[in-house]
PDB file of N, CA and C in Angstrom:
ATOM      1  N   MET A   1      12.238 -16.136 -73.745  1.00  0.00           N
ATOM      2  CA  MET A   1      13.131 -17.325 -73.144  1.00  0.00           C
ATOM      3  C   MET A   1      13.985 -16.829 -71.961  1.00  0.00           C
ATOM      4  N   GLY A   2      14.456 -15.589 -72.118  1.00  0.00           N
ATOM      5  CA  GLY A   2      15.287 -14.989 -71.056  1.00  0.00           C
ATOM      6  C   GLY A   2      14.452 -14.813 -69.855  1.00  0.00           C
ATOM      7  N   GLU A   3      13.179 -14.225 -69.878  1.00  0.00           N
ATOM      8  CA  GLU A   3      12.423 -13.952 -68.806  1.00  0.00           C
ATOM      9  C   GLU A   3      12.035 -15.083 -67.963  1.00  0.00           C
ATOM     10  N   GLU A   4      11.915 -16.209 -68.680  1.00  0.00           N
ATOM     11  CA  GLU A   4      11.582 -17.576 -68.049  1.00  0.00           C
ATOM     12  C   GLU A   4      12.708 -17.995 -67.154  1.00  0.00           C
ATOM     13  N   ALA A   5      13.941 -18.015 -67.670  1.00  0.00           N
ATOM     14  CA  ALA A   5      15.106 -18.137 -67.031  1.00  0.00           C
ATOM     15  C   ALA A   5      15.265 -17.322 -65.633  1.00  0.00           C
ATOM     16  N   GLU A   6      14.872 -16.021 -65.816  1.00  0.00           N
ATOM     17  CA  GLU A   6      14.985 -15.049 -64.669  1.00  0.00           C
ATOM     18  C   GLU A   6      14.096 -15.577 -63.518  1.00  0.00           C
ATOM     19  N   GLN A   7      12.805 -15.975 -63.909  1.00  0.00           N
ATOM     20  CA  GLN A   7      11.838 -16.405 -62.989  1.00  0.00           C
ATOM     21  C   GLN A   7      12.274 -17.588 -62.194  1.00  0.00           C
ATOM     22  N   ILE A   8      12.933 -18.668 -62.932  1.00  0.00           N
ATOM     23  CA  ILE A   8      13.351 -19.764 -62.232  1.00  0.00           C
ATOM     24  C   ILE A   8      14.499 -19.369 -61.167  1.00  0.00           C
ATOM     25  N   ALA A   9      15.357 -18.461 -61.678  1.00  0.00           N
ATOM     26  CA  ALA A   9      16.431 -18.082 -60.761  1.00  0.00           C
ATOM     27  C   ALA A   9      15.808 -17.526 -59.506  1.00  0.00           C
ATOM     28  N   VAL A  10      14.901 -16.669 -59.735  1.00  0.00           N
ATOM     29  CA  VAL A  10      14.258 -15.980 -58.367  1.00  0.00           C
ATOM     30  C   VAL A  10      13.747 -17.086 -57.471  1.00  0.00           C
ATOM     31  N   VAL A  11      12.958 -17.933 -58.072  1.00  0.00           N
ATOM     32  CA  VAL A  11      12.336 -19.179 -57.433  1.00  0.00           C
ATOM     33  C   VAL A  11      13.382 -19.913 -56.544  1.00  0.00           C
ATOM     34  N   LYS A  12      14.447 -20.193 -57.233  1.00  0.00           N
ATOM     35  CA  LYS A  12      15.678 -20.865 -56.638  1.00  0.00           C
ATOM     36  C   LYS A  12      16.158 -20.160 -55.378  1.00  0.00           C
ATOM     37  N   VAL A  13      16.270 -18.798 -55.561  1.00  0.00           N
ATOM     38  CA  VAL A  13      16.887 -18.068 -54.563  1.00  0.00           C
ATOM     39  C   VAL A  13      15.952 -18.017 -53.390  1.00  0.00           C
ATOM     40  N   GLU A  14      14.616 -17.854 -53.448  1.00  0.00           N
ATOM     41  CA  GLU A  14      13.675 -17.874 -52.401  1.00  0.00           C
ATOM     42  C   GLU A  14      13.738 -19.255 -51.884  1.00  0.00           C
ATOM     43  N   ASP A  15      13.874 -20.332 -52.558  1.00  0.00           N
ATOM     44  CA  ASP A  15      13.732 -21.618 -51.788  1.00  0.00           C
ATOM     45  C   ASP A  15      15.008 -21.799 -51.056  1.00  0.00           C
ATOM     46  N   SER A  16      16.115 -21.435 -51.444  1.00  0.00           N
ATOM     47  CA  SER A  16      17.438 -21.686 -50.613  1.00  0.00           C
ATOM     48  C   SER A  16      17.452 -20.730 -49.268  1.00  0.00           C
ATOM     49  N   SER A  17      16.735 -19.486 -49.468  1.00  0.00           N
ATOM     50  CA  SER A  17      16.580 -18.667 -48.189  1.00  0.00           C
ATOM     51  C   SER A  17      15.668 -19.230 -47.117  1.00  0.00           C
ATOM     52  N   LYS A  18      14.746 -20.009 -47.735  1.00  0.00           N
ATOM     53  CA  LYS A  18      13.720 -20.529 -46.764  1.00  0.00           C
ATOM     54  C   LYS A  18      14.411 -21.674 -45.831  1.00  0.00           C
ATOM     55  N   ASN A  19      15.495 -22.265 -46.575  1.00  0.00           N
ATOM     56  CA  ASN A  19      16.051 -23.410 -45.775  1.00  0.00           C
ATOM     57  C   ASN A  19      17.167 -22.867 -44.866  1.00  0.00           C
ATOM     58  N   ASN A  20      17.739 -21.644 -45.108  1.00  0.00           N
ATOM     59  CA  ASN A  20      18.786 -21.188 -44.430  1.00  0.00           C
ATOM     60  C   ASN A  20      18.355 -20.376 -43.075  1.00  0.00           C
ATOM     61  N   PRO A  21      18.401 -21.111 -41.952  1.00  0.00           N
ATOM     62  CA  PRO A  21      18.118 -20.538 -40.568  1.00  0.00           C
ATOM     63  C   PRO A  21      18.690 -19.035 -40.369  1.00  0.00           C
ATOM     64  N   PHE A  22      19.999 -18.803 -40.757  1.00  0.00           N
ATOM     65  CA  PHE A  22      20.495 -17.598 -40.496  1.00  0.00           C
ATOM     66  C   PHE A  22      19.729 -16.530 -41.401  1.00  0.00           C
ATOM     67  N   LEU A  23      19.459 -16.663 -42.567  1.00  0.00           N
ATOM     68  CA  LEU A  23      18.776 -15.635 -43.395  1.00  0.00           C
ATOM     69  C   LEU A  23      17.350 -15.493 -42.797  1.00  0.00           C
ATOM     70  N   LYS A  24      16.746 -16.700 -42.448  1.00  0.00           N
ATOM     71  CA  LYS A  24      15.408 -16.545 -41.918  1.00  0.00           C
ATOM     72  C   LYS A  24      15.341 -15.701 -40.690  1.00  0.00           C
ATOM     73  N   ARG A  25      16.392 -15.803 -39.681  1.00  0.00           N
ATOM     74  CA  ARG A  25      16.382 -15.001 -38.611  1.00  0.00           C
ATOM     75  C   ARG A  25      16.631 -13.499 -38.833  1.00  0.00           C
ATOM     76  N   ARG A  26      17.413 -13.248 -39.807  1.00  0.00           N
ATOM     77  CA  ARG A  26      17.815 -11.945 -40.115  1.00  0.00           C
ATOM     78  C   ARG A  26      16.502 -11.168 -40.718  1.00  0.00           C
ATOM     79  N   ALA A  27      15.732 -11.947 -41.506  1.00  0.00           N
ATOM     80  CA  ALA A  27      14.605 -11.508 -42.108  1.00  0.00           C
ATOM     81  C   ALA A  27      13.515 -11.085 -40.992  1.00  0.00           C
ATOM     82  N   GLN A  28      13.442 -11.900 -40.054  1.00  0.00           N
ATOM     83  CA  GLN A  28      12.691 -11.687 -39.083  1.00  0.00           C
ATOM     84  C   GLN A  28      13.063 -10.467 -38.167  1.00  0.00           C
ATOM     85  N   GLU A  29      14.371 -10.345 -37.925  1.00  0.00           N
ATOM     86  CA  GLU A  29      14.912  -9.200 -37.238  1.00  0.00           C
ATOM     87  C   GLU A  29      14.567  -7.925 -37.796  1.00  0.00           C
ATOM     88  N   SER A  30      14.801  -8.019 -39.072  1.00  0.00           N
ATOM     89  CA  SER A  30      14.475  -6.601 -39.979  1.00  0.00           C
ATOM     90  C   SER A  30      13.111  -6.293 -39.846  1.00  0.00           C
ATOM     91  N   GLN A  31      12.197  -7.338 -39.947  1.00  0.00           N
ATOM     92  CA  GLN A  31      10.845  -7.168 -39.875  1.00  0.00           C
ATOM     93  C   GLN A  31      10.305  -6.632 -38.601  1.00  0.00           C
ATOM     94  N   LEU A  32      10.851  -7.043 -37.422  1.00  0.00           N
ATOM     95  CA  LEU A  32      10.580  -6.654 -36.125  1.00  0.00           C
ATOM     96  C   LEU A  32      11.074  -5.218 -36.027  1.00  0.00           C
ATOM     97  N   LYS A  33      12.373  -4.819 -36.425  1.00  0.00           N
ATOM     98  CA  LYS A  33      12.823  -3.473 -36.425  1.00  0.00           C
ATOM     99  C   LYS A  33      11.970  -2.598 -37.194  1.00  0.00           C
ATOM    100  N   GLU A  34      11.484  -2.908 -38.298  1.00  0.00           N
ATOM    101  CA  GLU A  34      10.483  -2.123 -39.011  1.00  0.00           C
ATOM    102  C   GLU A  34       9.241  -1.776 -38.150  1.00  0.00           C
ATOM    103  N   ILE A  35       8.786  -2.893 -37.548  1.00  0.00           N
ATOM    104  CA  ILE A  35       7.609  -2.704 -36.787  1.00  0.00           C
ATOM    105  C   ILE A  35       7.761  -1.806 -35.681  1.00  0.00           C
ATOM    106  N   LEU A  36       8.822  -2.036 -34.979  1.00  0.00           N
ATOM    107  CA  LEU A  36       9.218  -1.121 -33.740  1.00  0.00           C
ATOM    108  C   LEU A  36       9.353   0.275 -34.290  1.00  0.00           C
ATOM    109  N   LEU A  37       9.948   0.481 -35.286  1.00  0.00           N
ATOM    110  CA  LEU A  37      10.180   1.989 -35.950  1.00  0.00           C
ATOM    111  C   LEU A  37       8.830   2.455 -36.079  1.00  0.00           C
ATOM    112  N   TRP A  38       8.024   1.798 -36.852  1.00  0.00           N
ATOM    113  CA  TRP A  38       6.761   2.300 -37.185  1.00  0.00           C
ATOM    114  C   TRP A  38       5.865   2.639 -35.879  1.00  0.00           C
ATOM    115  N   HIS A  39       5.948   1.704 -34.777  1.00  0.00           N
ATOM    116  CA  HIS A  39       5.209   2.018 -33.605  1.00  0.00           C
ATOM    117  C   HIS A  39       5.728   3.335 -32.880  1.00  0.00           C
ATOM    118  N   ARG A  40       7.149   3.293 -32.804  1.00  0.00           N
ATOM    119  CA  ARG A  40       7.691   4.554 -32.149  1.00  0.00           C
ATOM    120  C   ARG A  40       7.389   5.885 -32.856  1.00  0.00           C
ATOM    121  N   LEU A  41       7.325   5.775 -34.265  1.00  0.00           N
ATOM    122  CA  LEU A  41       6.866   7.051 -34.886  1.00  0.00           C
ATOM    123  C   LEU A  41       5.370   7.363 -34.708  1.00  0.00           C
ATOM    124  N   ARG A  42       4.579   6.351 -34.573  1.00  0.00           N
ATOM    125  CA  ARG A  42       3.126   6.537 -34.224  1.00  0.00           C
ATOM    126  C   ARG A  42       2.957   7.019 -32.868  1.00  0.00           C
ATOM    127  N   MET A  43       3.811   6.427 -31.923  1.00  0.00           N
ATOM    128  CA  MET A  43       3.554   7.114 -30.729  1.00  0.00           C
ATOM    129  C   MET A  43       4.094   8.593 -30.602  1.00  0.00           C
ATOM    130  N   LYS A  44       5.155   8.792 -31.226  1.00  0.00           N
ATOM    131  CA  LYS A  44       5.519  10.206 -31.168  1.00  0.00           C
ATOM    132  C   LYS A  44       4.464  11.168 -31.782  1.00  0.00           C
ATOM    133  N   ARG A  45       3.784  10.712 -32.804  1.00  0.00           N
ATOM    134  CA  ARG A  45       2.855  11.459 -33.439  1.00  0.00           C
ATOM    135  C   ARG A  45       1.621  11.602 -32.658  1.00  0.00           C
ATOM    136  N   SER A  46       1.277  10.634 -31.963  1.00  0.00           N
ATOM    137  CA  SER A  46       0.077  10.671 -31.168  1.00  0.00           C
ATOM    138  C   SER A  46       0.435  11.654 -29.892  1.00  0.00           C
ATOM    139  N   TYR A  47       1.496  11.464 -29.356  1.00  0.00           N
ATOM    140  CA  TYR A  47       2.015  12.347 -28.252  1.00  0.00           C
ATOM    141  C   TYR A  47       1.952  13.798 -28.592  1.00  0.00           C
ATOM    142  N   ARG A  48       2.509  13.982 -29.836  1.00  0.00           N
ATOM    143  CA  ARG A  48       2.545  15.443 -30.332  1.00  0.00           C
ATOM    144  C   ARG A  48       1.059  16.001 -30.631  1.00  0.00           C
ATOM    145  N   LEU A  49       0.173  15.081 -31.189  1.00  0.00           N
ATOM    146  CA  LEU A  49      -1.176  15.509 -31.442  1.00  0.00           C
ATOM    147  C   LEU A  49      -2.101  15.789 -30.268  1.00  0.00           C
ATOM    148  N   SER A  50      -1.647  15.000 -29.268  1.00  0.00           N
ATOM    149  CA  SER A  50      -2.517  15.063 -27.888  1.00  0.00           C
ATOM    150  C   SER A  50      -2.109  16.371 -27.200  1.00  0.00           C
ATOM    151  N   GLY A  51      -1.096  17.046 -27.540  1.00  0.00           N
ATOM    152  CA  GLY A  51      -0.802  18.347 -26.949  1.00  0.00           C
ATOM    153  C   GLY A  51       0.051  18.185 -25.804  1.00  0.00           C
ATOM    154  N   HIS A  52       0.816  17.039 -25.665  1.00  0.00           N
ATOM    155  CA  HIS A  52       1.680  16.930 -24.586  1.00  0.00           C
ATOM    156  C   HIS A  52       2.897  17.737 -24.751  1.00  0.00           C
ATOM    157  N   GLY A  53       3.404  18.162 -23.763  1.00  0.00           N
ATOM    158  CA  GLY A  53       4.703  18.833 -23.763  1.00  0.00           C
ATOM    159  C   GLY A  53       4.588  20.366 -24.385  1.00  0.00           C
ATOM    160  N   LYS A  54       3.488  20.791 -24.499  1.00  0.00           N
ATOM    161  CA  LYS A  54       3.199  22.055 -25.031  1.00  0.00           C
ATOM    162  C   LYS A  54       3.486  23.094 -23.965  1.00  0.00           C
ATOM    163  N   LYS A  55       4.355  24.057 -24.237  1.00  0.00           N
ATOM    164  CA  LYS A  55       4.732  24.986 -23.293  1.00  0.00           C
ATOM    165  C   LYS A  55       3.682  25.971 -22.842  1.00  0.00           C
ATOM    166  N   GLU A  56       2.792  26.380 -23.737  1.00  0.00           N
ATOM    167  CA  GLU A  56       1.718  27.286 -23.403  1.00  0.00           C
ATOM    168  C   GLU A  56       0.830  26.574 -22.487  1.00  0.00           C
ATOM    169  N   LYS A  57       0.570  25.406 -22.803  1.00  0.00           N
ATOM    170  CA  LYS A  57      -0.465  24.550 -21.679  1.00  0.00           C
ATOM    171  C   LYS A  57       0.071  24.519 -20.337  1.00  0.00           C
ATOM    172  N   ASN A  58       1.560  24.106 -20.360  1.00  0.00           N
ATOM    173  CA  ASN A  58       2.193  24.057 -18.960  1.00  0.00           C
ATOM    174  C   ASN A  58       2.298  25.298 -18.302  1.00  0.00           C
ATOM    175  N   GLN A  59       2.348  26.354 -19.030  1.00  0.00           N
ATOM    176  CA  GLN A  59       2.620  27.782 -18.502  1.00  0.00           C
ATOM    177  C   GLN A  59       1.252  28.168 -17.833  1.00  0.00           C
ATOM    178  N   LYS A  60       0.244  27.783 -18.524  1.00  0.00           N
ATOM    179  CA  LYS A  60      -1.135  28.075 -17.879  1.00  0.00           C
ATOM    180  C   LYS A  60      -1.322  27.329 -16.557  1.00  0.00           C
ATOM    181  N   GLN A  61      -0.936  26.140 -16.539  1.00  0.00           N
ATOM    182  CA  GLN A  61      -1.205  25.324 -15.264  1.00  0.00           C
ATOM    183  C   GLN A  61      -0.230  26.059 -14.265  1.00  0.00           C
ATOM    184  N   ILE A  62       0.933  26.400 -14.551  1.00  0.00           N
ATOM    185  CA  ILE A  62       1.796  26.942 -13.522  1.00  0.00           C
ATOM    186  C   ILE A  62       1.235  28.132 -12.832  1.00  0.00           C
ATOM    187  N   THR A  63       0.603  29.110 -13.952  1.00  0.00           N
ATOM    188  CA  THR A  63       0.110  30.485 -13.402  1.00  0.00           C
ATOM    189  C   THR A  63      -1.018  30.016 -12.587  1.00  0.00           C
ATOM    190  N   LYS A  64      -1.846  29.119 -12.749  1.00  0.00           N
ATOM    191  CA  LYS A  64      -3.045  28.849 -12.064  1.00  0.00           C
ATOM    192  C   LYS A  64      -2.634  28.379 -10.755  1.00  0.00           C
ATOM    193  N   LEU A  65      -1.558  27.616 -10.568  1.00  0.00           N
ATOM    194  CA  LEU A  65      -1.109  27.134  -9.231  1.00  0.00           C
ATOM    195  C   LEU A  65      -0.527  28.265  -8.551  1.00  0.00           C
ATOM    196  N   ARG A  66       0.239  29.043  -9.252  1.00  0.00           N
ATOM    197  CA  ARG A  66       0.667  30.190  -8.430  1.00  0.00           C
ATOM    198  C   ARG A  66      -0.201  31.152  -7.796  1.00  0.00           C
ATOM    199  N   ARG A  67      -1.312  31.360  -8.752  1.00  0.00           N
ATOM    200  CA  ARG A  67      -2.406  32.185  -8.175  1.00  0.00           C
ATOM    201  C   ARG A  67      -3.187  31.591  -7.003  1.00  0.00           C
ATOM    202  N   ARG A  68      -3.317  30.408  -7.016  1.00  0.00           N
ATOM    203  CA  ARG A  68      -4.042  29.755  -5.812  1.00  0.00           C
ATOM    204  C   ARG A  68      -3.107  29.795  -4.576  1.00  0.00           C
ATOM    205  N   ARG A  69      -1.865  29.596  -4.810  1.00  0.00           N
ATOM    206  CA  ARG A  69      -0.882  29.608  -3.713  1.00  0.00           C
ATOM    207  C   ARG A  69      -0.816  30.980  -2.999  1.00  0.00           C
ATOM    208  N   ARG A  70      -0.817  31.974  -3.984  1.00  0.00           N
ATOM    209  CA  ARG A  70      -0.740  33.403  -3.537  1.00  0.00           C
ATOM    210  C   ARG A  70      -2.155  33.785  -2.772  1.00  0.00           C
ATOM    211  N   LEU A  71      -3.072  33.429  -3.268  1.00  0.00           N
ATOM    212  CA  LEU A  71      -4.419  33.726  -2.472  1.00  0.00           C
ATOM    213  C   LEU A  71      -4.491  33.006  -1.231  1.00  0.00           C
ATOM    214  N   SER A  72      -3.950  31.730  -1.101  1.00  0.00           N
ATOM    215  CA  SER A  72      -4.046  31.010   0.120  1.00  0.00           C
ATOM    216  C   SER A  72      -3.112  31.505   1.099  1.00  0.00           C
ATOM    217  N   ARG A  73      -2.046  32.110   0.670  1.00  0.00           N
ATOM    218  CA  ARG A  73      -1.027  32.772   1.562  1.00  0.00           C
ATOM    219  C   ARG A  73      -1.647  34.071   2.220  1.00  0.00           C
ATOM    220  N   CYS A  74      -2.504  34.752   1.375  1.00  0.00           N
ATOM    221  CA  CYS A  74      -3.208  35.953   1.922  1.00  0.00           C
ATOM    222  C   CYS A  74      -4.252  35.633   2.933  1.00  0.00           C
ATOM    223  N   GLY A  75      -4.497  34.320   2.949  1.00  0.00           N
ATOM    224  CA  GLY A  75      -5.599  33.934   3.987  1.00  0.00           C
ATOM    225  C   GLY A  75      -7.036  33.665   3.331  1.00  0.00           C
ATOM    226  N   ARG A  76      -7.068  33.835   2.076  1.00  0.00           N
ATOM    227  CA  ARG A  76      -8.352  33.485   1.498  1.00  0.00           C
ATOM    228  C   ARG A  76      -7.996  32.652   0.186  1.00  0.00           C
ATOM    229  N   THR A  77      -9.062  31.609   0.149  1.00  0.00           N
ATOM    230  CA  THR A  77      -8.756  30.752  -1.057  1.00  0.00           C
ATOM    231  C   THR A  77      -9.885  31.044  -2.175  1.00  0.00           C
ATOM    232  N   PRO A  78      -9.423  30.780  -3.425  1.00  0.00           N
ATOM    233  CA  PRO A  78     -10.391  31.099  -4.431  1.00  0.00           C
ATOM    234  C   PRO A  78     -11.664  30.144  -4.192  1.00  0.00           C
ATOM    235  N   ARG A  79     -12.830  30.644  -4.494  1.00  0.00           N
ATOM    236  CA  ARG A  79     -13.999  29.727  -4.490  1.00  0.00           C
ATOM    237  C   ARG A  79     -13.980  28.868  -5.797  1.00  0.00           C
ATOM    238  N   ARG A  80     -14.156  27.649  -5.647  1.00  0.00           N
ATOM    239  CA  ARG A  80     -14.128  26.656  -6.737  1.00  0.00           C
ATOM    240  C   ARG A  80     -15.712  26.562  -7.140  1.00  0.00           C
ATOM    241  N   GLN A  81     -15.965  26.688  -8.477  1.00  0.00           N
ATOM    242  CA  GLN A  81     -17.188  26.718  -8.864  1.00  0.00           C
ATOM    243  C   GLN A  81     -17.624  25.167  -8.959  1.00  0.00           C
ATOM    244  N   VAL A  82     -18.897  25.049  -8.444  1.00  0.00           N
ATOM    245  CA  VAL A  82     -19.342  23.626  -8.413  1.00  0.00           C
ATOM    246  C   VAL A  82     -20.291  23.417  -9.728  1.00  0.00           C
TER     247      VAL A  82
END
């Protein structure tokens, strides 16, 4: 009999929260925050996995540009493979 009473109490609480606009809005806000947080974490993960912001990759690009600049300064440009 105790369990039955608990179930009824739970139902009553749910009903009262449905009618309360303040609680409804707060629930929506927390839901939205959760979604945004999940999205942010997902974006971070995809950014990390795609290799963005990797120093090695960036360094490689820099040295490539430097080499090209040095060669063009000397008056000859490296031949690009077609």
